[in-house]
Amino acid sequence: MAIDQKSSNLNAAGQNRLELLLFKASGNQMYGINVFKVREVMTLPGMTRMPGQHPSVIGVVHLRGQTTPVFDMAVALGRPPVDKQEDIKLLVTEFNGSAQAFKVSSVEKIINLEWSAMKRPPPGSGRSNFLTAVADVDGVMVEIIDVERILAAVQPPNTHVPADSIDQSIMAFADGQEILMVDDSTTAITQTRRTLEPFGLKIHTAKDGAEGLRALRELADDSTPVHERLLCVITDAEMPVMDGYTLTRKIREDESLRHLFVILHSSIDGRFNRSMVENSGCDTYLTKFDPQALALIIQGRLGSALAS
């Protein structure tokens, strides 16, 4: 089952909508993953076991000349592993520039949903660490997986920026400069914070586009123009309540916010959603997670602010 990432999903994203692929990892709990991040769904092919790996990594498969790690989604989520042996499905996904596959017990269907229908995971839920949102779909509670957190638990991404790649002449100016980071993934926020730590920036955060927009409008009420106070806005593209494309468009439509420098920061390669990126009005697009590329963009912003 190939996933057509460029058809209806392109139309849904950027209109504060998304397509979710619904599946079960084990048991009856329904999960969802953004179709944009799924390359294909297939029956589990021959797999090579890999002893000594993280408990959720059960082997590798060879797909189109590429060695792809296979995760047991249930184990990654802290649930019992899939116990059936027949008709096992693989979700082949692409996150942060690499491919991986997730073993699941069943794939149900694809649905179209408004981001506003997505809610944050209930506080205190033991599973909330691996969820970005929940949604009621025809009376069934669907849990949206934070795949970035699952991957980071197995292999933490490199967030280091070599000292010799940082322009030391702007570091004194950088200290105390403010940015707003908007992302529903606590893992992504932590990674970005670690990368930007050497700059000494003051980082404000918001968990979705609606919360980010409220924060920006509150800042706009101050006497200092918000684009002079904030060095930039770094926003994820796919978030509950309001996505990053919609947030960026609303920033451009608001006279008090329209001059802000906006970075769209997404785990989806920008080649797949170029039209949405262009239509959003962002200043630049960056695929997660490239610490040096992010640091270069921030250095450029600091240089521009210092020169103005």
C-alpha atoms as a PDB file:
ATOM      1  CA  MET A   1       0.000   0.000   0.000  1.00  0.00           C
ATOM      2  CA  ALA A   2       1.783   3.101  -1.231  1.00  0.00           C
ATOM      3  CA  ILE A   3       0.894   6.405   0.413  1.00  0.00           C
ATOM      4  CA  ASP A   4       0.246   9.305  -1.955  1.00  0.00           C
ATOM      5  CA  GLN A   5       1.760  12.117   0.089  1.00  0.00           C
ATOM      6  CA  LYS A   6       1.267  14.725  -2.616  1.00  0.00           C
ATOM      7  CA  SER A   7      -2.477  14.512  -3.257  1.00  0.00           C
ATOM      8  CA  SER A   8      -5.209  15.219  -0.748  1.00  0.00           C
ATOM      9  CA  ASN A   9      -2.754  15.544   2.114  1.00  0.00           C
ATOM     10  CA  LEU A  10      -1.201  18.542   0.411  1.00  0.00           C
ATOM     11  CA  ASN A  11      -4.619  20.133   0.244  1.00  0.00           C
ATOM     12  CA  ALA A  12      -5.383  19.333   3.879  1.00  0.00           C
ATOM     13  CA  ALA A  13      -2.151  20.689   5.331  1.00  0.00           C
ATOM     14  CA  GLY A  14      -1.960  24.453   5.302  1.00  0.00           C
ATOM     15  CA  GLN A  15      -5.753  24.603   5.767  1.00  0.00           C
ATOM     16  CA  ASN A  16      -5.348  23.565   9.418  1.00  0.00           C
ATOM     17  CA  ARG A  17      -6.286  19.997   8.476  1.00  0.00           C
ATOM     18  CA  LEU A  18      -4.353  16.763   8.248  1.00  0.00           C
ATOM     19  CA  GLU A  19      -4.728  13.172   7.197  1.00  0.00           C
ATOM     20  CA  LEU A  20      -4.142  10.497   9.817  1.00  0.00           C
ATOM     21  CA  LEU A  21      -3.323   6.860   9.205  1.00  0.00           C
ATOM     22  CA  LEU A  22      -5.052   4.885  11.971  1.00  0.00           C
ATOM     23  CA  PHE A  23      -3.511   1.664  13.275  1.00  0.00           C
ATOM     24  CA  LYS A  24      -3.264  -0.624  16.302  1.00  0.00           C
ATOM     25  CA  ALA A  25       0.074  -1.513  17.847  1.00  0.00           C
ATOM     26  CA  SER A  26      -1.265  -4.361  19.993  1.00  0.00           C
ATOM     27  CA  GLY A  27      -4.538  -4.704  21.812  1.00  0.00           C
ATOM     28  CA  ASN A  28      -7.477  -2.457  20.947  1.00  0.00           C
ATOM     29  CA  GLN A  29      -6.061   1.043  21.455  1.00  0.00           C
ATOM     30  CA  MET A  30      -6.251   3.094  18.251  1.00  0.00           C
ATOM     31  CA  TYR A  31      -3.248   5.202  17.262  1.00  0.00           C
ATOM     32  CA  GLY A  32      -2.672   7.748  14.535  1.00  0.00           C
ATOM     33  CA  ILE A  33       0.272   9.051  12.536  1.00  0.00           C
ATOM     34  CA  ASN A  34       0.404  11.897  10.025  1.00  0.00           C
ATOM     35  CA  VAL A  35       0.096  10.422   6.515  1.00  0.00           C
ATOM     36  CA  PHE A  36       2.695  12.917   5.324  1.00  0.00           C
ATOM     37  CA  LYS A  37       5.319  11.019   7.320  1.00  0.00           C
ATOM     38  CA  VAL A  38       4.411   7.560   6.002  1.00  0.00           C
ATOM     39  CA  ARG A  39       6.088   6.286   2.835  1.00  0.00           C
ATOM     40  CA  GLU A  40       4.136   3.043   2.560  1.00  0.00           C
ATOM     41  CA  VAL A  41       2.389   0.242   4.413  1.00  0.00           C
ATOM     42  CA  MET A  42       3.456  -3.334   3.727  1.00  0.00           C
ATOM     43  CA  THR A  43       3.267  -6.863   5.066  1.00  0.00           C
ATOM     44  CA  LEU A  44       6.343  -7.641   7.129  1.00  0.00           C
ATOM     45  CA  PRO A  45       9.005  -9.024   4.725  1.00  0.00           C
ATOM     46  CA  GLY A  46      11.989 -11.142   5.692  1.00  0.00           C
ATOM     47  CA  MET A  47      13.718  -9.475   8.626  1.00  0.00           C
ATOM     48  CA  THR A  48      17.240  -9.819   9.998  1.00  0.00           C
ATOM     49  CA  ARG A  49      17.339  -9.958  13.785  1.00  0.00           C
ATOM     50  CA  MET A  50      19.808  -7.602  15.473  1.00  0.00           C
ATOM     51  CA  PRO A  51      20.837  -8.798  18.953  1.00  0.00           C
ATOM     52  CA  GLY A  52      22.102  -6.293  21.475  1.00  0.00           C
ATOM     53  CA  GLN A  53      19.895  -3.453  20.256  1.00  0.00           C
ATOM     54  CA  HIS A  54      17.430  -1.284  22.151  1.00  0.00           C
ATOM     55  CA  PRO A  55      14.439  -3.440  23.261  1.00  0.00           C
ATOM     56  CA  SER A  56      12.104  -1.726  20.791  1.00  0.00           C
ATOM     57  CA  VAL A  57      14.430  -2.375  17.825  1.00  0.00           C
ATOM     58  CA  ILE A  58      13.725  -5.910  16.656  1.00  0.00           C
ATOM     59  CA  GLY A  59      15.750  -6.078  13.442  1.00  0.00           C
ATOM     60  CA  VAL A  60      16.330  -4.596  10.006  1.00  0.00           C
ATOM     61  CA  VAL A  61      14.726  -5.050   6.610  1.00  0.00           C
ATOM     62  CA  HIS A  62      16.148  -4.263   3.201  1.00  0.00           C
ATOM     63  CA  LEU A  63      13.851  -1.959   1.245  1.00  0.00           C
ATOM     64  CA  ARG A  64      14.821  -0.635  -2.188  1.00  0.00           C
ATOM     65  CA  GLY A  65      18.501  -1.115  -1.514  1.00  0.00           C
ATOM     66  CA  GLN A  66      18.343   0.568   1.875  1.00  0.00           C
ATOM     67  CA  THR A  67      18.826  -1.056   5.284  1.00  0.00           C
ATOM     68  CA  THR A  68      15.935   0.107   7.446  1.00  0.00           C
ATOM     69  CA  PRO A  69      15.604  -0.462  11.215  1.00  0.00           C
ATOM     70  CA  VAL A  70      12.385  -2.086  12.412  1.00  0.00           C
ATOM     71  CA  PHE A  71      10.770  -0.992  15.685  1.00  0.00           C
ATOM     72  CA  ASP A  72       8.071  -2.882  17.547  1.00  0.00           C
ATOM     73  CA  MET A  73       5.641   0.001  18.020  1.00  0.00           C
ATOM     74  CA  ALA A  74       3.926  -1.656  20.990  1.00  0.00           C
ATOM     75  CA  VAL A  75       7.211  -2.132  22.879  1.00  0.00           C
ATOM     76  CA  ALA A  76       8.272   1.444  22.084  1.00  0.00           C
ATOM     77  CA  LEU A  77       5.025   2.637  23.678  1.00  0.00           C
ATOM     78  CA  GLY A  78       5.519   0.511  26.773  1.00  0.00           C
ATOM     79  CA  ARG A  79       2.905  -2.074  25.813  1.00  0.00           C
ATOM     80  CA  PRO A  80       3.166  -5.852  25.361  1.00  0.00           C
ATOM     81  CA  PRO A  81       4.644  -6.848  21.988  1.00  0.00           C
ATOM     82  CA  VAL A  82       2.480  -8.059  19.125  1.00  0.00           C
ATOM     83  CA  ASP A  83       1.808 -11.731  19.792  1.00  0.00           C
ATOM     84  CA  LYS A  84       0.288 -12.782  16.497  1.00  0.00           C
ATOM     85  CA  GLN A  85       2.573 -14.016  13.736  1.00  0.00           C
ATOM     86  CA  GLU A  86       0.432 -13.599  10.607  1.00  0.00           C
ATOM     87  CA  ASP A  87      -0.524 -10.512   8.642  1.00  0.00           C
ATOM     88  CA  ILE A  88       1.850  -8.274  10.566  1.00  0.00           C
ATOM     89  CA  LYS A  89       2.107  -4.828   8.992  1.00  0.00           C
ATOM     90  CA  LEU A  90       4.999  -2.422   8.671  1.00  0.00           C
ATOM     91  CA  LEU A  91       4.574   1.343   8.606  1.00  0.00           C
ATOM     92  CA  VAL A  92       7.559   2.654   6.675  1.00  0.00           C
ATOM     93  CA  THR A  93       8.115   6.257   7.695  1.00  0.00           C
ATOM     94  CA  GLU A  94      10.564   9.088   7.173  1.00  0.00           C
ATOM     95  CA  PHE A  95      11.521  11.343  10.066  1.00  0.00           C
ATOM     96  CA  ASN A  96      14.361  13.786  10.355  1.00  0.00           C
ATOM     97  CA  GLY A  97      15.902  12.733   7.058  1.00  0.00           C
ATOM     98  CA  SER A  98      16.032   8.982   7.723  1.00  0.00           C
ATOM     99  CA  ALA A  99      13.753   6.007   7.074  1.00  0.00           C
ATOM    100  CA  GLN A 100      12.491   3.599   9.698  1.00  0.00           C
ATOM    101  CA  ALA A 101       9.760   0.954   9.916  1.00  0.00           C
ATOM    102  CA  PHE A 102       7.292   0.200  12.701  1.00  0.00           C
ATOM    103  CA  LYS A 103       5.777  -3.222  13.258  1.00  0.00           C
ATOM    104  CA  VAL A 104       2.054  -2.931  14.089  1.00  0.00           C
ATOM    105  CA  SER A 105      -0.734  -5.460  14.493  1.00  0.00           C
ATOM    106  CA  SER A 106      -3.175  -3.833  12.056  1.00  0.00           C
ATOM    107  CA  VAL A 107      -3.716  -0.823   9.824  1.00  0.00           C
ATOM    108  CA  GLU A 108      -7.276   0.471   9.882  1.00  0.00           C
ATOM    109  CA  LYS A 109      -7.921   3.437   7.578  1.00  0.00           C
ATOM    110  CA  ILE A 110      -6.980   6.991   6.618  1.00  0.00           C
ATOM    111  CA  ILE A 111      -9.114   9.863   7.910  1.00  0.00           C
ATOM    112  CA  ASN A 112      -9.175  13.604   7.281  1.00  0.00           C
ATOM    113  CA  LEU A 113      -9.320  15.696  10.441  1.00  0.00           C
ATOM    114  CA  GLU A 114      -9.119  19.328  11.488  1.00  0.00           C
ATOM    115  CA  TRP A 115      -6.163  20.199  13.685  1.00  0.00           C
ATOM    116  CA  SER A 116      -8.621  21.945  16.013  1.00  0.00           C
ATOM    117  CA  ALA A 117     -10.093  18.501  16.806  1.00  0.00           C
ATOM    118  CA  MET A 118      -6.731  17.441  18.230  1.00  0.00           C
ATOM    119  CA  LYS A 119      -6.281  17.910  21.966  1.00  0.00           C
ATOM    120  CA  ARG A 120      -3.249  17.640  24.185  1.00  0.00           C
ATOM    121  CA  PRO A 121      -2.766  14.301  25.978  1.00  0.00           C
ATOM    122  CA  PRO A 122      -4.447  14.142  29.407  1.00  0.00           C
ATOM    123  CA  PRO A 123      -2.065  15.325  32.155  1.00  0.00           C
ATOM    124  CA  GLY A 124      -0.696  12.560  34.305  1.00  0.00           C
ATOM    125  CA  SER A 125      -1.097   9.923  31.618  1.00  0.00           C
ATOM    126  CA  GLY A 126       1.826   7.529  31.753  1.00  0.00           C
ATOM    127  CA  ARG A 127       1.732   7.223  27.956  1.00  0.00           C
ATOM    128  CA  SER A 128       1.595  10.989  27.369  1.00  0.00           C
ATOM    129  CA  ASN A 129       5.399  11.069  27.017  1.00  0.00           C
ATOM    130  CA  PHE A 130       5.015   9.315  23.668  1.00  0.00           C
ATOM    131  CA  LEU A 131       1.954  11.228  22.461  1.00  0.00           C
ATOM    132  CA  THR A 132       1.605  14.641  20.888  1.00  0.00           C
ATOM    133  CA  ALA A 133      -2.195  14.740  20.874  1.00  0.00           C
ATOM    134  CA  VAL A 134      -5.439  12.806  21.191  1.00  0.00           C
ATOM    135  CA  ALA A 135      -8.630  13.025  19.146  1.00  0.00           C
ATOM    136  CA  ASP A 136     -12.150  11.662  19.399  1.00  0.00           C
ATOM    137  CA  VAL A 137     -12.939   9.974  16.076  1.00  0.00           C
ATOM    138  CA  ASP A 138     -16.524   8.696  15.912  1.00  0.00           C
ATOM    139  CA  GLY A 139     -16.486   7.957  19.618  1.00  0.00           C
ATOM    140  CA  VAL A 140     -13.068   6.254  19.557  1.00  0.00           C
ATOM    141  CA  MET A 141     -10.150   7.941  21.343  1.00  0.00           C
ATOM    142  CA  VAL A 142      -7.182   8.038  18.958  1.00  0.00           C
ATOM    143  CA  GLU A 143      -3.711   8.675  20.373  1.00  0.00           C
ATOM    144  CA  ILE A 144      -1.278  10.519  18.088  1.00  0.00           C
ATOM    145  CA  ILE A 145       2.259   9.178  18.325  1.00  0.00           C
ATOM    146  CA  ASP A 146       5.315  11.353  19.005  1.00  0.00           C
ATOM    147  CA  VAL A 147       7.658   9.406  16.724  1.00  0.00           C
ATOM    148  CA  GLU A 148      10.511  11.850  17.336  1.00  0.00           C
ATOM    149  CA  ARG A 149      10.503  10.917  21.011  1.00  0.00           C
ATOM    150  CA  ILE A 150      10.528   7.194  20.200  1.00  0.00           C
ATOM    151  CA  LEU A 151      13.519   7.641  17.894  1.00  0.00           C
ATOM    152  CA  ALA A 152      15.356   9.867  20.372  1.00  0.00           C
ATOM    153  CA  ALA A 153      14.966   7.210  23.080  1.00  0.00           C
ATOM    154  CA  VAL A 154      16.818   4.738  20.857  1.00  0.00           C
ATOM    155  CA  GLN A 155      19.411   7.056  19.373  1.00  0.00           C
ATOM    156  CA  PRO A 156      19.542  10.607  20.754  1.00  0.00           C
ATOM    157  CA  PRO A 157      20.178  13.053  17.908  1.00  0.00           C
ATOM    158  CA  ASN A 158      23.311  15.120  17.689  1.00  0.00           C
ATOM    159  CA  THR A 159      22.545  18.623  18.996  1.00  0.00           C
ATOM    160  CA  HIS A 160      26.154  19.803  19.255  1.00  0.00           C
ATOM    161  CA  VAL A 161      27.406  22.813  17.336  1.00  0.00           C
ATOM    162  CA  PRO A 162      31.236  22.961  17.067  1.00  0.00           C
ATOM    163  CA  ALA A 163      32.665  26.069  18.686  1.00  0.00           C
ATOM    164  CA  ASP A 164      34.682  26.928  15.570  1.00  0.00           C
ATOM    165  CA  SER A 165      31.452  27.193  13.546  1.00  0.00           C
ATOM    166  CA  ILE A 166      30.085  29.962  15.789  1.00  0.00           C
ATOM    167  CA  ASP A 167      30.993  33.559  15.002  1.00  0.00           C
ATOM    168  CA  GLN A 168      32.407  34.709  18.326  1.00  0.00           C
ATOM    169  CA  SER A 169      32.121  38.379  17.348  1.00  0.00           C
ATOM    170  CA  ILE A 170      28.337  38.272  17.780  1.00  0.00           C
ATOM    171  CA  MET A 171      28.161  36.164  20.933  1.00  0.00           C
ATOM    172  CA  ALA A 172      28.110  39.109  23.334  1.00  0.00           C
ATOM    173  CA  PHE A 173      25.226  40.600  21.370  1.00  0.00           C
ATOM    174  CA  ALA A 174      23.411  37.268  21.324  1.00  0.00           C
ATOM    175  CA  ASP A 175      23.165  36.958  25.102  1.00  0.00           C
ATOM    176  CA  GLY A 176      19.607  37.723  26.207  1.00  0.00           C
ATOM    177  CA  GLN A 177      18.129  37.994  22.704  1.00  0.00           C
ATOM    178  CA  GLU A 178      14.649  36.450  22.613  1.00  0.00           C
ATOM    179  CA  ILE A 179      13.009  33.899  20.342  1.00  0.00           C
ATOM    180  CA  LEU A 180       9.677  32.068  20.382  1.00  0.00           C
ATOM    181  CA  MET A 181       9.709  28.323  19.744  1.00  0.00           C
ATOM    182  CA  VAL A 182       6.376  26.672  18.874  1.00  0.00           C
ATOM    183  CA  ASP A 183       6.315  22.853  18.896  1.00  0.00           C
ATOM    184  CA  ASP A 184       4.032  20.157  20.286  1.00  0.00           C
ATOM    185  CA  SER A 185       6.960  17.774  20.805  1.00  0.00           C
ATOM    186  CA  THR A 186       8.838  18.222  24.073  1.00  0.00           C
ATOM    187  CA  THR A 187      11.649  16.206  22.493  1.00  0.00           C
ATOM    188  CA  ALA A 188      12.006  18.692  19.628  1.00  0.00           C
ATOM    189  CA  ILE A 189      11.976  21.633  22.053  1.00  0.00           C
ATOM    190  CA  THR A 190      14.685  20.026  24.183  1.00  0.00           C
ATOM    191  CA  GLN A 191      16.855  19.309  21.140  1.00  0.00           C
ATOM    192  CA  THR A 192      16.549  22.874  19.868  1.00  0.00           C
ATOM    193  CA  ARG A 193      17.296  24.329  23.294  1.00  0.00           C
ATOM    194  CA  ARG A 194      20.504  22.285  23.514  1.00  0.00           C
ATOM    195  CA  THR A 195      21.634  23.437  20.084  1.00  0.00           C
ATOM    196  CA  LEU A 196      20.985  27.111  20.841  1.00  0.00           C
ATOM    197  CA  GLU A 197      22.359  27.018  24.390  1.00  0.00           C
ATOM    198  CA  PRO A 198      25.789  28.456  23.438  1.00  0.00           C
ATOM    199  CA  PHE A 199      24.112  31.630  22.168  1.00  0.00           C
ATOM    200  CA  GLY A 200      22.618  32.519  25.557  1.00  0.00           C
ATOM    201  CA  LEU A 201      19.219  33.231  24.020  1.00  0.00           C
ATOM    202  CA  LYS A 202      16.057  33.684  26.065  1.00  0.00           C
ATOM    203  CA  ILE A 203      13.678  31.085  24.637  1.00  0.00           C
ATOM    204  CA  HIS A 204       9.921  31.357  25.040  1.00  0.00           C
ATOM    205  CA  THR A 205       7.889  28.244  24.138  1.00  0.00           C
ATOM    206  CA  ALA A 206       4.347  27.402  23.054  1.00  0.00           C
ATOM    207  CA  LYS A 207       2.844  23.947  22.500  1.00  0.00           C
ATOM    208  CA  ASP A 208       0.742  24.695  19.414  1.00  0.00           C
ATOM    209  CA  GLY A 209       0.078  27.413  16.867  1.00  0.00           C
ATOM    210  CA  ALA A 210      -2.912  28.877  18.704  1.00  0.00           C
ATOM    211  CA  GLU A 211      -0.930  29.246  21.935  1.00  0.00           C
ATOM    212  CA  GLY A 212       1.958  30.727  19.968  1.00  0.00           C
ATOM    213  CA  LEU A 213      -0.296  33.264  18.267  1.00  0.00           C
ATOM    214  CA  ARG A 214      -1.769  34.356  21.614  1.00  0.00           C
ATOM    215  CA  ALA A 215       1.736  34.822  23.008  1.00  0.00           C
ATOM    216  CA  LEU A 216       2.757  36.922  20.022  1.00  0.00           C
ATOM    217  CA  ARG A 217      -0.317  39.136  20.253  1.00  0.00           C
ATOM    218  CA  GLU A 218       0.348  39.699  23.939  1.00  0.00           C
ATOM    219  CA  LEU A 219       3.899  40.771  23.106  1.00  0.00           C
ATOM    220  CA  ALA A 220       2.524  43.052  20.379  1.00  0.00           C
ATOM    221  CA  ASP A 221       0.592  44.986  23.024  1.00  0.00           C
ATOM    222  CA  ASP A 222       3.884  46.274  24.462  1.00  0.00           C
ATOM    223  CA  SER A 223       5.363  49.558  23.287  1.00  0.00           C
ATOM    224  CA  THR A 224       8.353  47.850  21.599  1.00  0.00           C
ATOM    225  CA  PRO A 225       7.467  46.428  18.155  1.00  0.00           C
ATOM    226  CA  VAL A 226       7.402  42.645  18.458  1.00  0.00           C
ATOM    227  CA  HIS A 227       9.798  42.120  15.532  1.00  0.00           C
ATOM    228  CA  GLU A 228      12.354  44.254  17.380  1.00  0.00           C
ATOM    229  CA  ARG A 229      11.920  42.263  20.567  1.00  0.00           C
ATOM    230  CA  LEU A 230      11.956  38.768  19.048  1.00  0.00           C
ATOM    231  CA  LEU A 231      14.901  37.649  16.962  1.00  0.00           C
ATOM    232  CA  CYS A 232      12.692  35.065  15.257  1.00  0.00           C
ATOM    233  CA  VAL A 233       9.871  32.546  15.599  1.00  0.00           C
ATOM    234  CA  ILE A 234      10.783  28.871  15.152  1.00  0.00           C
ATOM    235  CA  THR A 235       7.644  26.842  14.537  1.00  0.00           C
ATOM    236  CA  ASP A 236       6.925  23.210  13.856  1.00  0.00           C
ATOM    237  CA  ALA A 237       4.717  22.603  10.815  1.00  0.00           C
ATOM    238  CA  GLU A 238       2.425  19.844  12.132  1.00  0.00           C
ATOM    239  CA  MET A 239       0.748  20.601  15.478  1.00  0.00           C
ATOM    240  CA  PRO A 240      -2.655  20.135  17.127  1.00  0.00           C
ATOM    241  CA  VAL A 241      -5.184  22.983  17.377  1.00  0.00           C
ATOM    242  CA  MET A 242      -3.342  25.162  14.822  1.00  0.00           C
ATOM    243  CA  ASP A 243      -0.556  24.004  12.490  1.00  0.00           C
ATOM    244  CA  GLY A 244       2.580  25.950  11.686  1.00  0.00           C
ATOM    245  CA  TYR A 245       1.494  26.853   8.156  1.00  0.00           C
ATOM    246  CA  THR A 246      -1.666  28.489   9.493  1.00  0.00           C
ATOM    247  CA  LEU A 247       0.261  30.217  12.282  1.00  0.00           C
ATOM    248  CA  THR A 248       2.716  31.663   9.762  1.00  0.00           C
ATOM    249  CA  ARG A 249      -0.091  32.921   7.517  1.00  0.00           C
ATOM    250  CA  LYS A 250      -1.823  34.568  10.469  1.00  0.00           C
ATOM    251  CA  ILE A 251       1.446  36.254  11.426  1.00  0.00           C
ATOM    252  CA  ARG A 252       1.735  37.676   7.916  1.00  0.00           C
ATOM    253  CA  GLU A 253      -1.896  38.864   7.989  1.00  0.00           C
ATOM    254  CA  ASP A 254      -1.470  40.704  11.307  1.00  0.00           C
ATOM    255  CA  GLU A 255      -0.076  44.218  10.880  1.00  0.00           C
ATOM    256  CA  SER A 256       1.646  44.121  14.270  1.00  0.00           C
ATOM    257  CA  LEU A 257       3.318  40.762  13.596  1.00  0.00           C
ATOM    258  CA  ARG A 258       3.931  40.634   9.862  1.00  0.00           C
ATOM    259  CA  HIS A 259       7.596  41.719  10.035  1.00  0.00           C
ATOM    260  CA  LEU A 260       8.627  38.797  12.259  1.00  0.00           C
ATOM    261  CA  PHE A 261      11.243  36.403  10.887  1.00  0.00           C
ATOM    262  CA  VAL A 262       9.633  32.947  10.802  1.00  0.00           C
ATOM    263  CA  ILE A 263      11.469  29.629  10.510  1.00  0.00           C
ATOM    264  CA  LEU A 264       9.334  26.580   9.681  1.00  0.00           C
ATOM    265  CA  HIS A 265      11.097  23.648  11.358  1.00  0.00           C
ATOM    266  CA  SER A 266       9.675  20.250  10.426  1.00  0.00           C
ATOM    267  CA  SER A 267      10.587  16.572  10.370  1.00  0.00           C
ATOM    268  CA  ILE A 268       9.106  16.451   6.840  1.00  0.00           C
ATOM    269  CA  ASP A 269      11.538  17.158   4.023  1.00  0.00           C
ATOM    270  CA  GLY A 270      10.573  20.472   2.421  1.00  0.00           C
ATOM    271  CA  ARG A 271      10.776  18.929  -1.064  1.00  0.00           C
ATOM    272  CA  PHE A 272       7.500  17.116  -0.374  1.00  0.00           C
ATOM    273  CA  ASN A 273       5.541  20.178   0.690  1.00  0.00           C
ATOM    274  CA  ARG A 274       7.213  22.995  -1.221  1.00  0.00           C
ATOM    275  CA  SER A 275       3.940  24.632  -2.275  1.00  0.00           C
ATOM    276  CA  MET A 276       2.664  24.764   1.303  1.00  0.00           C
ATOM    277  CA  VAL A 277       5.943  26.250   2.507  1.00  0.00           C
ATOM    278  CA  GLU A 278       5.828  28.936  -0.169  1.00  0.00           C
ATOM    279  CA  ASN A 279       2.169  29.743   0.468  1.00  0.00           C
ATOM    280  CA  SER A 280       2.688  30.048   4.218  1.00  0.00           C
ATOM    281  CA  GLY A 281       4.957  33.078   3.852  1.00  0.00           C
ATOM    282  CA  CYS A 282       7.755  31.779   6.085  1.00  0.00           C
ATOM    283  CA  ASP A 283      11.220  33.272   5.705  1.00  0.00           C
ATOM    284  CA  THR A 284      13.000  29.930   5.625  1.00  0.00           C
ATOM    285  CA  TYR A 285      12.314  26.206   5.999  1.00  0.00           C
ATOM    286  CA  LEU A 286      14.542  23.774   7.853  1.00  0.00           C
ATOM    287  CA  THR A 287      14.218  19.994   8.073  1.00  0.00           C
ATOM    288  CA  LYS A 288      14.788  18.526  11.544  1.00  0.00           C
ATOM    289  CA  PHE A 289      17.250  17.944  12.930  1.00  0.00           C
ATOM    290  CA  ASP A 290      20.355  19.737  11.640  1.00  0.00           C
ATOM    291  CA  PRO A 291      22.020  21.650  14.503  1.00  0.00           C
ATOM    292  CA  GLN A 292      24.626  23.377  12.359  1.00  0.00           C
ATOM    293  CA  ALA A 293      22.063  24.585   9.815  1.00  0.00           C
ATOM    294  CA  LEU A 294      19.883  25.957  12.616  1.00  0.00           C
ATOM    295  CA  ALA A 295      22.865  27.652  14.247  1.00  0.00           C
ATOM    296  CA  LEU A 296      23.820  29.280  10.928  1.00  0.00           C
ATOM    297  CA  ILE A 297      20.314  30.705  10.507  1.00  0.00           C
ATOM    298  CA  ILE A 298      20.370  32.105  14.054  1.00  0.00           C
ATOM    299  CA  GLN A 299      23.808  33.607  13.445  1.00  0.00           C
ATOM    300  CA  GLY A 300      22.468  35.263  10.319  1.00  0.00           C
ATOM    301  CA  ARG A 301      19.563  36.742  12.268  1.00  0.00           C
ATOM    302  CA  LEU A 302      21.927  38.001  14.965  1.00  0.00           C
ATOM    303  CA  GLY A 303      24.170  39.585  12.334  1.00  0.00           C
ATOM    304  CA  SER A 304      21.199  41.345  10.731  1.00  0.00           C
ATOM    305  CA  ALA A 305      19.933  42.578  14.111  1.00  0.00           C
ATOM    306  CA  LEU A 306      23.382  43.819  15.077  1.00  0.00           C
ATOM    307  CA  ALA A 307      23.729  45.733  11.813  1.00  0.00           C
ATOM    308  CA  SER A 308      20.307  47.400  12.055  1.00  0.00           C
END
